[in-house]
Amino acid sequence: MGFFDKLKQGLAKTRDDFNSKMASVFSLGRKIDEEFYEDLEETLIQADVGVQTSIELTERLREREKKEHIRDVAELRLALQDEIVKILKGSEEGENKNRFLLKGGRLNIILVVGVNGAGKTTTIGKMANYYHAIGHKVLLAAADTFRAAAIEQLCAWGERAGVDVIRQAGGSDPGAVVFDACRAAASRGCNILIVDTAGRLQNKTNLMEELKKINRIIEREAPDANVEVLLVLDAGTGQNAISQAKLFGEVVPLSGIILTKLDGTAKGGVVIGITNELNLPVKMIGVGEGIDDLREFVAADFAAALFADDNAEASNYEVVADEEGE
């Protein structure tokens, strides 16, 4: 099964819920009037798209109806799919904003943050496998030292993916782990270093200071590195995922989202709200428990899978080539 087919399969709960809600709104022969738009807005909110984004999508359809003289609800439904793709892609940067573009000839460091239970450590293991499988030299850093199980879990994933893990004893200084990892990545010629960080958010001050220290070490030990900070969110938490992203955004400069566990929830519509309300691109998505079930996010494919177009084909799951230089 290709990843696009896995995506459609993984989004089955979300798709069934979304389309059952939309069926009554876009029923055959329905008149496009104010009641229609009120029902659409309410239905989008119920589908975990979020209040702000639901209002915005409804207004966009109003504008398109007038501008394009749309009189058929089936045509308007296609317009809704198109507008969702536009939100997921972003108006300026397009599809590439959803991707972690590796910089050629330098170390790429991915700091991964997220609350415990979101699937952070598992996601890192799958990321390591993904990049290792396509020919990159990957190293992992077990900097979530406050949870001993996280270190052991990451080491198990590293072994499974065929990737080395830099670790210290539980309770060690996370900054020291990152220091060792930066040195090891340089000496071993690695081009990707993925860092697992503590999943605590209860004390934002401590977490902020910890991440600041990690960043200072990276700036000193790997000054030319290309650094991204990705937040792992559990899709099953729905609108709480947006709240988590806002809180983490106050602590650390996030550059993107990894959305996990889409296969186990009917709340996958939250992807749309996260992208729109937080202006943060979804970089990768997880649609299963297998080691190969984490891939880069393709907006058009997500929308096609959400709207149950069985004849749709994947837009682009080719590996993004490394950029040379800046």
C-alpha atoms as a PDB file:
ATOM      1  CA  MET A   1       0.000   0.000   0.000  1.00  0.00           C
ATOM      2  CA  GLY A   2       1.389   3.396  -1.005  1.00  0.00           C
ATOM      3  CA  PHE A   3       1.431   6.257   1.493  1.00  0.00           C
ATOM      4  CA  PHE A   4      -1.442   8.080  -0.221  1.00  0.00           C
ATOM      5  CA  ASP A   5      -3.596   4.975   0.186  1.00  0.00           C
ATOM      6  CA  LYS A   6      -2.482   4.782   3.823  1.00  0.00           C
ATOM      7  CA  LEU A   7      -3.437   8.440   4.184  1.00  0.00           C
ATOM      8  CA  LYS A   8      -6.925   7.789   2.835  1.00  0.00           C
ATOM      9  CA  GLN A   9      -7.246   4.749   5.076  1.00  0.00           C
ATOM     10  CA  GLY A  10      -5.867   6.619   8.072  1.00  0.00           C
ATOM     11  CA  LEU A  11      -8.273   9.513   7.566  1.00  0.00           C
ATOM     12  CA  ALA A  12     -11.274   7.174   7.376  1.00  0.00           C
ATOM     13  CA  LYS A  13     -12.744   8.218  10.755  1.00  0.00           C
ATOM     14  CA  THR A  14     -12.205  11.913  10.065  1.00  0.00           C
ATOM     15  CA  ARG A  15     -13.514  11.591   6.498  1.00  0.00           C
ATOM     16  CA  ASP A  16     -16.639   9.666   7.499  1.00  0.00           C
ATOM     17  CA  ASP A  17     -17.429  12.185  10.214  1.00  0.00           C
ATOM     18  CA  PHE A  18     -16.630  15.195   8.011  1.00  0.00           C
ATOM     19  CA  ASN A  19     -18.594  13.985   4.998  1.00  0.00           C
ATOM     20  CA  SER A  20     -21.609  12.868   7.009  1.00  0.00           C
ATOM     21  CA  LYS A  21     -21.780  16.369   8.476  1.00  0.00           C
ATOM     22  CA  MET A  22     -21.293  17.999   5.063  1.00  0.00           C
ATOM     23  CA  ALA A  23     -23.851  15.789   3.311  1.00  0.00           C
ATOM     24  CA  SER A  24     -26.805  17.650   4.802  1.00  0.00           C
ATOM     25  CA  VAL A  25     -25.251  21.045   4.091  1.00  0.00           C
ATOM     26  CA  PHE A  26     -24.479  20.283   0.451  1.00  0.00           C
ATOM     27  CA  SER A  27     -27.595  18.214  -0.202  1.00  0.00           C
ATOM     28  CA  LEU A  28     -28.679  17.955  -3.839  1.00  0.00           C
ATOM     29  CA  GLY A  29     -30.888  20.824  -4.968  1.00  0.00           C
ATOM     30  CA  ARG A  30     -30.376  22.877  -1.824  1.00  0.00           C
ATOM     31  CA  LYS A  31     -30.713  26.614  -2.233  1.00  0.00           C
ATOM     32  CA  ILE A  32     -27.616  28.716  -1.525  1.00  0.00           C
ATOM     33  CA  ASP A  33     -28.904  31.307   0.923  1.00  0.00           C
ATOM     34  CA  GLU A  34     -28.143  32.703   4.355  1.00  0.00           C
ATOM     35  CA  GLU A  35     -29.429  29.569   6.085  1.00  0.00           C
ATOM     36  CA  PHE A  36     -27.030  27.507   3.957  1.00  0.00           C
ATOM     37  CA  TYR A  37     -24.030  29.547   5.080  1.00  0.00           C
ATOM     38  CA  GLU A  38     -25.106  29.429   8.732  1.00  0.00           C
ATOM     39  CA  ASP A  39     -25.365  25.633   8.527  1.00  0.00           C
ATOM     40  CA  LEU A  40     -21.971  25.410   6.799  1.00  0.00           C
ATOM     41  CA  GLU A  41     -20.246  27.513   9.449  1.00  0.00           C
ATOM     42  CA  GLU A  42     -21.781  25.477  12.282  1.00  0.00           C
ATOM     43  CA  THR A  43     -20.873  22.197  10.581  1.00  0.00           C
ATOM     44  CA  LEU A  44     -17.239  23.234  10.064  1.00  0.00           C
ATOM     45  CA  ILE A  45     -16.991  24.124  13.751  1.00  0.00           C
ATOM     46  CA  GLN A  46     -18.419  20.722  14.691  1.00  0.00           C
ATOM     47  CA  ALA A  47     -15.794  19.114  12.424  1.00  0.00           C
ATOM     48  CA  ASP A  48     -13.004  20.555  14.627  1.00  0.00           C
ATOM     49  CA  VAL A  49     -11.912  23.095  12.020  1.00  0.00           C
ATOM     50  CA  GLY A  50     -12.145  25.807  14.689  1.00  0.00           C
ATOM     51  CA  VAL A  51     -14.398  28.852  15.088  1.00  0.00           C
ATOM     52  CA  GLN A  52     -12.082  31.427  13.514  1.00  0.00           C
ATOM     53  CA  THR A  53     -11.212  29.265  10.514  1.00  0.00           C
ATOM     54  CA  SER A  54     -14.825  28.136  10.013  1.00  0.00           C
ATOM     55  CA  ILE A  55     -15.968  31.757   9.820  1.00  0.00           C
ATOM     56  CA  GLU A  56     -13.164  32.580   7.395  1.00  0.00           C
ATOM     57  CA  LEU A  57     -13.905  29.605   5.126  1.00  0.00           C
ATOM     58  CA  THR A  58     -17.603  30.515   5.034  1.00  0.00           C
ATOM     59  CA  GLU A  59     -16.781  34.090   4.053  1.00  0.00           C
ATOM     60  CA  ARG A  60     -14.435  32.891   1.314  1.00  0.00           C
ATOM     61  CA  LEU A  61     -17.249  30.781  -0.159  1.00  0.00           C
ATOM     62  CA  ARG A  62     -19.622  33.748  -0.050  1.00  0.00           C
ATOM     63  CA  GLU A  63     -17.123  35.776  -2.045  1.00  0.00           C
ATOM     64  CA  ARG A  64     -16.556  33.011  -4.586  1.00  0.00           C
ATOM     65  CA  GLU A  65     -20.281  32.449  -5.014  1.00  0.00           C
ATOM     66  CA  LYS A  66     -20.757  36.111  -5.952  1.00  0.00           C
ATOM     67  CA  LYS A  67     -17.590  36.466  -8.021  1.00  0.00           C
ATOM     68  CA  GLU A  68     -17.986  33.203  -9.971  1.00  0.00           C
ATOM     69  CA  HIS A  69     -21.822  33.263 -10.057  1.00  0.00           C
ATOM     70  CA  ILE A  70     -22.048  29.823  -8.461  1.00  0.00           C
ATOM     71  CA  ARG A  71     -25.587  28.472  -8.253  1.00  0.00           C
ATOM     72  CA  ASP A  72     -24.970  24.758  -7.624  1.00  0.00           C
ATOM     73  CA  VAL A  73     -24.017  23.373  -4.185  1.00  0.00           C
ATOM     74  CA  ALA A  74     -21.859  20.653  -5.778  1.00  0.00           C
ATOM     75  CA  GLU A  75     -19.727  23.350  -7.394  1.00  0.00           C
ATOM     76  CA  LEU A  76     -19.568  25.213  -4.108  1.00  0.00           C
ATOM     77  CA  ARG A  77     -18.400  22.032  -2.369  1.00  0.00           C
ATOM     78  CA  LEU A  78     -15.487  21.829  -4.822  1.00  0.00           C
ATOM     79  CA  ALA A  79     -14.752  25.474  -4.019  1.00  0.00           C
ATOM     80  CA  LEU A  80     -14.640  24.576  -0.311  1.00  0.00           C
ATOM     81  CA  GLN A  81     -12.078  21.845  -1.021  1.00  0.00           C
ATOM     82  CA  ASP A  82     -10.032  24.333  -3.035  1.00  0.00           C
ATOM     83  CA  GLU A  83     -10.108  26.906  -0.222  1.00  0.00           C
ATOM     84  CA  ILE A  84      -9.003  24.288   2.315  1.00  0.00           C
ATOM     85  CA  VAL A  85      -6.027  23.429   0.103  1.00  0.00           C
ATOM     86  CA  LYS A  86      -5.149  27.137  -0.102  1.00  0.00           C
ATOM     87  CA  ILE A  87      -5.138  27.389   3.690  1.00  0.00           C
ATOM     88  CA  LEU A  88      -2.996  24.286   4.082  1.00  0.00           C
ATOM     89  CA  LYS A  89      -0.498  25.424   1.429  1.00  0.00           C
ATOM     90  CA  GLY A  90      -0.378  29.086   2.398  1.00  0.00           C
ATOM     91  CA  SER A  91      -0.832  31.869  -0.110  1.00  0.00           C
ATOM     92  CA  GLU A  92       2.794  32.930  -0.468  1.00  0.00           C
ATOM     93  CA  GLU A  93       5.183  30.049   0.047  1.00  0.00           C
ATOM     94  CA  GLY A  94       3.048  27.279  -1.415  1.00  0.00           C
ATOM     95  CA  GLU A  95       3.678  23.596  -0.836  1.00  0.00           C
ATOM     96  CA  ASN A  96       7.334  23.951   0.148  1.00  0.00           C
ATOM     97  CA  LYS A  97       6.468  25.740   3.383  1.00  0.00           C
ATOM     98  CA  ASN A  98       5.079  22.379   4.528  1.00  0.00           C
ATOM     99  CA  ARG A  99       8.432  20.704   4.102  1.00  0.00           C
ATOM    100  CA  PHE A 100      11.594  20.502   6.103  1.00  0.00           C
ATOM    101  CA  LEU A 101      14.020  21.563   3.396  1.00  0.00           C
ATOM    102  CA  LEU A 102      17.415  20.149   4.219  1.00  0.00           C
ATOM    103  CA  LYS A 103      20.390  22.408   3.602  1.00  0.00           C
ATOM    104  CA  GLY A 104      23.175  20.770   1.647  1.00  0.00           C
ATOM    105  CA  GLY A 105      26.709  20.850   2.988  1.00  0.00           C
ATOM    106  CA  ARG A 106      25.759  21.585   6.580  1.00  0.00           C
ATOM    107  CA  LEU A 107      24.265  20.016   9.668  1.00  0.00           C
ATOM    108  CA  ASN A 108      20.469  20.129   9.902  1.00  0.00           C
ATOM    109  CA  ILE A 109      19.223  20.117  13.504  1.00  0.00           C
ATOM    110  CA  ILE A 110      15.599  19.343  14.331  1.00  0.00           C
ATOM    111  CA  LEU A 111      14.536  20.168  17.896  1.00  0.00           C
ATOM    112  CA  VAL A 112      11.358  18.228  18.665  1.00  0.00           C
ATOM    113  CA  VAL A 113       9.055  19.487  21.432  1.00  0.00           C
ATOM    114  CA  GLY A 114       5.643  18.391  22.698  1.00  0.00           C
ATOM    115  CA  VAL A 115       3.759  17.266  25.775  1.00  0.00           C
ATOM    116  CA  ASN A 116       4.239  13.752  27.088  1.00  0.00           C
ATOM    117  CA  GLY A 117       1.774  11.388  25.466  1.00  0.00           C
ATOM    118  CA  ALA A 118       1.595  13.171  22.105  1.00  0.00           C
ATOM    119  CA  GLY A 119       3.867  10.574  20.530  1.00  0.00           C
ATOM    120  CA  LYS A 120       7.001  12.731  20.501  1.00  0.00           C
ATOM    121  CA  THR A 121       9.669  10.071  21.034  1.00  0.00           C
ATOM    122  CA  THR A 122       7.958   7.586  18.706  1.00  0.00           C
ATOM    123  CA  THR A 123       7.709  10.283  16.048  1.00  0.00           C
ATOM    124  CA  ILE A 124      11.431  11.005  16.317  1.00  0.00           C
ATOM    125  CA  GLY A 125      12.170   7.329  15.777  1.00  0.00           C
ATOM    126  CA  LYS A 126      10.000   7.283  12.674  1.00  0.00           C
ATOM    127  CA  MET A 127      11.624  10.491  11.382  1.00  0.00           C
ATOM    128  CA  ALA A 128      15.044   8.917  11.852  1.00  0.00           C
ATOM    129  CA  ASN A 129      13.944   5.857   9.901  1.00  0.00           C
ATOM    130  CA  TYR A 130      12.429   7.998   7.135  1.00  0.00           C
ATOM    131  CA  TYR A 131      15.534  10.118   6.543  1.00  0.00           C
ATOM    132  CA  HIS A 132      17.959   7.223   7.069  1.00  0.00           C
ATOM    133  CA  ALA A 133      16.071   5.126   4.513  1.00  0.00           C
ATOM    134  CA  ILE A 134      16.477   7.782   1.816  1.00  0.00           C
ATOM    135  CA  GLY A 135      20.216   8.024   2.322  1.00  0.00           C
ATOM    136  CA  HIS A 136      20.848  10.670   4.980  1.00  0.00           C
ATOM    137  CA  LYS A 137      23.286  10.173   7.852  1.00  0.00           C
ATOM    138  CA  VAL A 138      21.152  10.673  10.940  1.00  0.00           C
ATOM    139  CA  LEU A 139      22.018  10.995  14.630  1.00  0.00           C
ATOM    140  CA  LEU A 140      19.603  11.172  17.581  1.00  0.00           C
ATOM    141  CA  ALA A 141      20.059  13.012  20.891  1.00  0.00           C
ATOM    142  CA  ALA A 142      18.161  11.763  23.964  1.00  0.00           C
ATOM    143  CA  ALA A 143      17.829  15.154  25.673  1.00  0.00           C
ATOM    144  CA  ASP A 144      14.564  14.277  27.456  1.00  0.00           C
ATOM    145  CA  THR A 145      16.625  13.175  30.447  1.00  0.00           C
ATOM    146  CA  PHE A 146      13.926  13.776  33.055  1.00  0.00           C
ATOM    147  CA  ARG A 147      11.931  10.771  31.897  1.00  0.00           C
ATOM    148  CA  ALA A 148      14.154   7.712  31.991  1.00  0.00           C
ATOM    149  CA  ALA A 149      11.722   5.729  29.862  1.00  0.00           C
ATOM    150  CA  ALA A 150      12.115   8.303  27.078  1.00  0.00           C
ATOM    151  CA  ILE A 151      15.852   7.563  26.825  1.00  0.00           C
ATOM    152  CA  GLU A 152      15.296   3.811  26.617  1.00  0.00           C
ATOM    153  CA  GLN A 153      12.435   4.268  24.166  1.00  0.00           C
ATOM    154  CA  LEU A 154      14.517   6.475  21.879  1.00  0.00           C
ATOM    155  CA  CYS A 155      17.419   4.006  21.978  1.00  0.00           C
ATOM    156  CA  ALA A 156      15.033   1.212  20.973  1.00  0.00           C
ATOM    157  CA  TRP A 157      13.768   3.264  18.029  1.00  0.00           C
ATOM    158  CA  GLY A 158      17.332   4.174  17.060  1.00  0.00           C
ATOM    159  CA  GLU A 159      18.294   0.508  16.953  1.00  0.00           C
ATOM    160  CA  ARG A 160      15.203  -0.290  14.922  1.00  0.00           C
ATOM    161  CA  ALA A 161      15.968   2.482  12.414  1.00  0.00           C
ATOM    162  CA  GLY A 162      19.690   1.721  12.280  1.00  0.00           C
ATOM    163  CA  VAL A 163      20.614   5.128  13.733  1.00  0.00           C
ATOM    164  CA  ASP A 164      22.979   5.929  16.635  1.00  0.00           C
ATOM    165  CA  VAL A 165      21.705   7.685  19.766  1.00  0.00           C
ATOM    166  CA  ILE A 166      23.713  10.051  21.955  1.00  0.00           C
ATOM    167  CA  ARG A 167      22.604   9.611  25.546  1.00  0.00           C
ATOM    168  CA  GLN A 168      23.585  10.074  29.180  1.00  0.00           C
ATOM    169  CA  ALA A 169      22.133   8.741  32.409  1.00  0.00           C
ATOM    170  CA  GLY A 170      18.611   9.680  33.427  1.00  0.00           C
ATOM    171  CA  GLY A 171      18.483  13.044  35.172  1.00  0.00           C
ATOM    172  CA  SER A 172      21.547  14.366  33.357  1.00  0.00           C
ATOM    173  CA  ASP A 173      21.776  17.904  32.020  1.00  0.00           C
ATOM    174  CA  PRO A 174      19.940  18.037  28.642  1.00  0.00           C
ATOM    175  CA  GLY A 175      22.394  20.688  27.476  1.00  0.00           C
ATOM    176  CA  ALA A 176      25.295  18.299  28.019  1.00  0.00           C
ATOM    177  CA  VAL A 177      23.580  15.697  25.828  1.00  0.00           C
ATOM    178  CA  VAL A 178      23.113  18.255  23.052  1.00  0.00           C
ATOM    179  CA  PHE A 179      26.755  19.341  23.426  1.00  0.00           C
ATOM    180  CA  ASP A 180      27.915  15.730  22.988  1.00  0.00           C
ATOM    181  CA  ALA A 181      25.507  15.227  20.082  1.00  0.00           C
ATOM    182  CA  CYS A 182      26.742  18.312  18.187  1.00  0.00           C
ATOM    183  CA  ARG A 183      30.341  17.157  18.609  1.00  0.00           C
ATOM    184  CA  ALA A 184      29.462  13.599  17.562  1.00  0.00           C
ATOM    185  CA  ALA A 185      27.485  14.780  14.506  1.00  0.00           C
ATOM    186  CA  ALA A 186      30.487  16.811  13.349  1.00  0.00           C
ATOM    187  CA  SER A 187      33.024  14.033  13.890  1.00  0.00           C
ATOM    188  CA  ARG A 188      30.848  11.381  12.217  1.00  0.00           C
ATOM    189  CA  GLY A 189      29.859  13.502   9.238  1.00  0.00           C
ATOM    190  CA  CYS A 190      26.118  13.419  10.000  1.00  0.00           C
ATOM    191  CA  ASN A 191      23.869  15.840   8.155  1.00  0.00           C
ATOM    192  CA  ILE A 192      20.756  15.420  10.346  1.00  0.00           C
ATOM    193  CA  LEU A 193      20.628  15.628  14.148  1.00  0.00           C
ATOM    194  CA  ILE A 194      17.209  15.108  15.757  1.00  0.00           C
ATOM    195  CA  VAL A 195      16.931  16.178  19.395  1.00  0.00           C
ATOM    196  CA  ASP A 196      14.289  14.800  21.776  1.00  0.00           C
ATOM    197  CA  THR A 197      13.440  17.425  24.415  1.00  0.00           C
ATOM    198  CA  ALA A 198      11.531  17.282  27.691  1.00  0.00           C
ATOM    199  CA  GLY A 199       7.765  17.131  27.362  1.00  0.00           C
ATOM    200  CA  ARG A 200       6.928  19.315  30.333  1.00  0.00           C
ATOM    201  CA  LEU A 201       4.872  22.462  29.939  1.00  0.00           C
ATOM    202  CA  GLN A 202       3.571  22.872  33.463  1.00  0.00           C
ATOM    203  CA  ASN A 203       6.468  25.126  34.406  1.00  0.00           C
ATOM    204  CA  LYS A 204       6.995  27.237  31.314  1.00  0.00           C
ATOM    205  CA  THR A 205       9.837  29.223  32.853  1.00  0.00           C
ATOM    206  CA  ASN A 206      12.007  26.153  33.442  1.00  0.00           C
ATOM    207  CA  LEU A 207      11.247  24.764  30.002  1.00  0.00           C
ATOM    208  CA  MET A 208      12.048  28.078  28.365  1.00  0.00           C
ATOM    209  CA  GLU A 209      15.385  28.337  30.146  1.00  0.00           C
ATOM    210  CA  GLU A 210      16.216  24.752  29.248  1.00  0.00           C
ATOM    211  CA  LEU A 211      15.487  25.341  25.560  1.00  0.00           C
ATOM    212  CA  LYS A 212      17.397  28.631  25.583  1.00  0.00           C
ATOM    213  CA  LYS A 213      20.410  26.794  26.973  1.00  0.00           C
ATOM    214  CA  ILE A 214      20.119  24.131  24.274  1.00  0.00           C
ATOM    215  CA  ASN A 215      19.945  26.852  21.617  1.00  0.00           C
ATOM    216  CA  ARG A 216      23.035  28.588  23.014  1.00  0.00           C
ATOM    217  CA  ILE A 217      24.957  25.310  22.863  1.00  0.00           C
ATOM    218  CA  ILE A 218      23.858  24.735  19.265  1.00  0.00           C
ATOM    219  CA  GLU A 219      24.878  28.280  18.294  1.00  0.00           C
ATOM    220  CA  ARG A 220      28.298  27.739  19.847  1.00  0.00           C
ATOM    221  CA  GLU A 221      28.987  24.176  18.715  1.00  0.00           C
ATOM    222  CA  ALA A 222      27.189  24.219  15.340  1.00  0.00           C
ATOM    223  CA  PRO A 223      26.980  27.893  14.318  1.00  0.00           C
ATOM    224  CA  ASP A 224      26.301  27.097  10.648  1.00  0.00           C
ATOM    225  CA  ALA A 225      23.579  24.538  11.335  1.00  0.00           C
ATOM    226  CA  ASN A 226      20.124  24.819   9.817  1.00  0.00           C
ATOM    227  CA  VAL A 227      17.795  24.608  12.850  1.00  0.00           C
ATOM    228  CA  GLU A 228      14.069  23.934  13.003  1.00  0.00           C
ATOM    229  CA  VAL A 229      11.827  23.549  16.059  1.00  0.00           C
ATOM    230  CA  LEU A 230       8.927  21.197  15.407  1.00  0.00           C
ATOM    231  CA  LEU A 231       5.990  20.638  17.766  1.00  0.00           C
ATOM    232  CA  VAL A 232       4.416  17.181  17.946  1.00  0.00           C
ATOM    233  CA  LEU A 233       0.646  17.284  18.451  1.00  0.00           C
ATOM    234  CA  ASP A 234      -1.827  14.436  18.942  1.00  0.00           C
ATOM    235  CA  ALA A 235      -4.645  14.954  16.404  1.00  0.00           C
ATOM    236  CA  GLY A 236      -7.036  13.208  18.792  1.00  0.00           C
ATOM    237  CA  THR A 237      -6.959  16.177  21.160  1.00  0.00           C
ATOM    238  CA  GLY A 238      -8.840  18.296  18.605  1.00  0.00           C
ATOM    239  CA  GLN A 239      -9.040  21.964  19.530  1.00  0.00           C
ATOM    240  CA  ASN A 240      -6.775  21.343  22.547  1.00  0.00           C
ATOM    241  CA  ALA A 241      -3.985  20.838  20.010  1.00  0.00           C
ATOM    242  CA  ILE A 242      -4.344  24.495  18.990  1.00  0.00           C
ATOM    243  CA  SER A 243      -4.148  25.549  22.647  1.00  0.00           C
ATOM    244  CA  GLN A 244      -0.985  23.481  23.126  1.00  0.00           C
ATOM    245  CA  ALA A 245       0.596  25.033  20.055  1.00  0.00           C
ATOM    246  CA  LYS A 246      -0.159  28.534  21.332  1.00  0.00           C
ATOM    247  CA  LEU A 247       1.429  27.730  24.703  1.00  0.00           C
ATOM    248  CA  PHE A 248       4.567  26.231  23.180  1.00  0.00           C
ATOM    249  CA  GLY A 249       4.743  29.173  20.788  1.00  0.00           C
ATOM    250  CA  GLU A 250       5.090  31.430  23.829  1.00  0.00           C
ATOM    251  CA  VAL A 251       8.048  29.377  25.043  1.00  0.00           C
ATOM    252  CA  VAL A 252      10.003  28.623  21.874  1.00  0.00           C
ATOM    253  CA  PRO A 253      10.024  29.895  18.254  1.00  0.00           C
ATOM    254  CA  LEU A 254       8.191  27.091  16.483  1.00  0.00           C
ATOM    255  CA  SER A 255       8.794  26.546  12.781  1.00  0.00           C
ATOM    256  CA  GLY A 256       6.269  23.798  12.160  1.00  0.00           C
ATOM    257  CA  ILE A 257       3.955  21.035  13.369  1.00  0.00           C
ATOM    258  CA  ILE A 258       4.068  17.244  13.244  1.00  0.00           C
ATOM    259  CA  LEU A 259       0.550  15.865  13.634  1.00  0.00           C
ATOM    260  CA  THR A 260       0.331  12.302  14.946  1.00  0.00           C
ATOM    261  CA  LYS A 261      -2.346   9.648  15.414  1.00  0.00           C
ATOM    262  CA  LEU A 262      -4.584  10.859  12.590  1.00  0.00           C
ATOM    263  CA  ASP A 263      -5.679   7.267  12.011  1.00  0.00           C
ATOM    264  CA  GLY A 264      -7.202   6.931  15.468  1.00  0.00           C
ATOM    265  CA  THR A 265      -9.427  10.005  15.528  1.00  0.00           C
ATOM    266  CA  ALA A 266     -12.339  11.714  13.812  1.00  0.00           C
ATOM    267  CA  LYS A 267     -10.801  15.114  14.637  1.00  0.00           C
ATOM    268  CA  GLY A 268      -8.372  15.397  11.736  1.00  0.00           C
ATOM    269  CA  GLY A 269     -10.069  18.626  10.654  1.00  0.00           C
ATOM    270  CA  VAL A 270      -7.963  20.338  13.302  1.00  0.00           C
ATOM    271  CA  VAL A 271      -5.118  20.380  10.737  1.00  0.00           C
ATOM    272  CA  ILE A 272      -6.953  23.177   8.919  1.00  0.00           C
ATOM    273  CA  GLY A 273      -7.435  25.282  12.040  1.00  0.00           C
ATOM    274  CA  ILE A 274      -3.850  24.818  13.226  1.00  0.00           C
ATOM    275  CA  THR A 275      -2.425  25.968   9.904  1.00  0.00           C
ATOM    276  CA  ASN A 276      -4.746  28.943   9.585  1.00  0.00           C
ATOM    277  CA  GLU A 277      -4.943  30.275  13.145  1.00  0.00           C
ATOM    278  CA  LEU A 278      -1.319  29.777  14.143  1.00  0.00           C
ATOM    279  CA  ASN A 279       0.290  30.458  10.762  1.00  0.00           C
ATOM    280  CA  LEU A 280       2.363  27.326  11.342  1.00  0.00           C
ATOM    281  CA  PRO A 281       2.891  24.790   8.556  1.00  0.00           C
ATOM    282  CA  VAL A 282       2.196  21.114   9.148  1.00  0.00           C
ATOM    283  CA  LYS A 283       5.516  19.487   8.168  1.00  0.00           C
ATOM    284  CA  MET A 284       4.770  15.792   8.710  1.00  0.00           C
ATOM    285  CA  ILE A 285       1.785  13.598   9.576  1.00  0.00           C
ATOM    286  CA  GLY A 286       1.422  10.169  11.127  1.00  0.00           C
ATOM    287  CA  VAL A 287      -1.340   7.855   9.915  1.00  0.00           C
ATOM    288  CA  GLY A 288      -0.497   4.590  11.635  1.00  0.00           C
ATOM    289  CA  GLU A 289       1.666   2.751  14.136  1.00  0.00           C
ATOM    290  CA  GLY A 290       4.129   1.331  11.595  1.00  0.00           C
ATOM    291  CA  ILE A 291       7.655   2.693  11.279  1.00  0.00           C
ATOM    292  CA  ASP A 292       6.860   3.861   7.719  1.00  0.00           C
ATOM    293  CA  ASP A 293       3.611   5.606   8.653  1.00  0.00           C
ATOM    294  CA  LEU A 294       5.119   9.080   9.088  1.00  0.00           C
ATOM    295  CA  ARG A 295       5.644  11.190   5.973  1.00  0.00           C
ATOM    296  CA  GLU A 296       5.952  14.750   4.781  1.00  0.00           C
ATOM    297  CA  PHE A 297       2.639  16.577   4.562  1.00  0.00           C
ATOM    298  CA  VAL A 298       1.147  17.206   1.090  1.00  0.00           C
ATOM    299  CA  ALA A 299      -1.782  19.635   1.328  1.00  0.00           C
ATOM    300  CA  ALA A 300      -3.575  18.633  -1.873  1.00  0.00           C
ATOM    301  CA  ASP A 301      -3.460  14.960  -0.924  1.00  0.00           C
ATOM    302  CA  PHE A 302      -4.805  15.638   2.558  1.00  0.00           C
ATOM    303  CA  ALA A 303      -7.763  17.518   1.069  1.00  0.00           C
ATOM    304  CA  ALA A 304      -8.374  14.799  -1.534  1.00  0.00           C
ATOM    305  CA  ALA A 305      -8.304  12.104   1.148  1.00  0.00           C
ATOM    306  CA  LEU A 306     -10.579  14.187   3.387  1.00  0.00           C
ATOM    307  CA  PHE A 307     -13.176  14.619   0.661  1.00  0.00           C
ATOM    308  CA  ALA A 308     -13.126  10.896  -0.236  1.00  0.00           C
ATOM    309  CA  ASP A 309     -12.159  11.147  -3.872  1.00  0.00           C
ATOM    310  CA  ASP A 310     -11.414   7.461  -4.437  1.00  0.00           C
ATOM    311  CA  ASN A 311     -10.010   8.151  -7.897  1.00  0.00           C
ATOM    312  CA  ALA A 312      -7.558  10.759  -6.641  1.00  0.00           C
ATOM    313  CA  GLU A 313      -3.877  10.190  -7.090  1.00  0.00           C
ATOM    314  CA  ALA A 314      -1.047  11.378  -4.891  1.00  0.00           C
ATOM    315  CA  SER A 315       0.181  14.838  -5.860  1.00  0.00           C
ATOM    316  CA  ASN A 316       3.805  14.459  -4.838  1.00  0.00           C
ATOM    317  CA  TYR A 317       5.483  12.079  -2.436  1.00  0.00           C
ATOM    318  CA  GLU A 318       8.852  12.347  -4.097  1.00  0.00           C
ATOM    319  CA  VAL A 319      11.700  13.106  -1.730  1.00  0.00           C
ATOM    320  CA  VAL A 320      12.604  16.777  -1.591  1.00  0.00           C
ATOM    321  CA  ALA A 321      16.162  17.256  -2.825  1.00  0.00           C
ATOM    322  CA  ASP A 322      18.671  18.969  -0.592  1.00  0.00           C
ATOM    323  CA  GLU A 323      19.185  22.654  -1.217  1.00  0.00           C
ATOM    324  CA  GLU A 324      22.729  23.658  -1.963  1.00  0.00           C
ATOM    325  CA  GLY A 325      24.002  26.511   0.192  1.00  0.00           C
ATOM    326  CA  GLU A 326      21.466  29.045   1.410  1.00  0.00           C
END
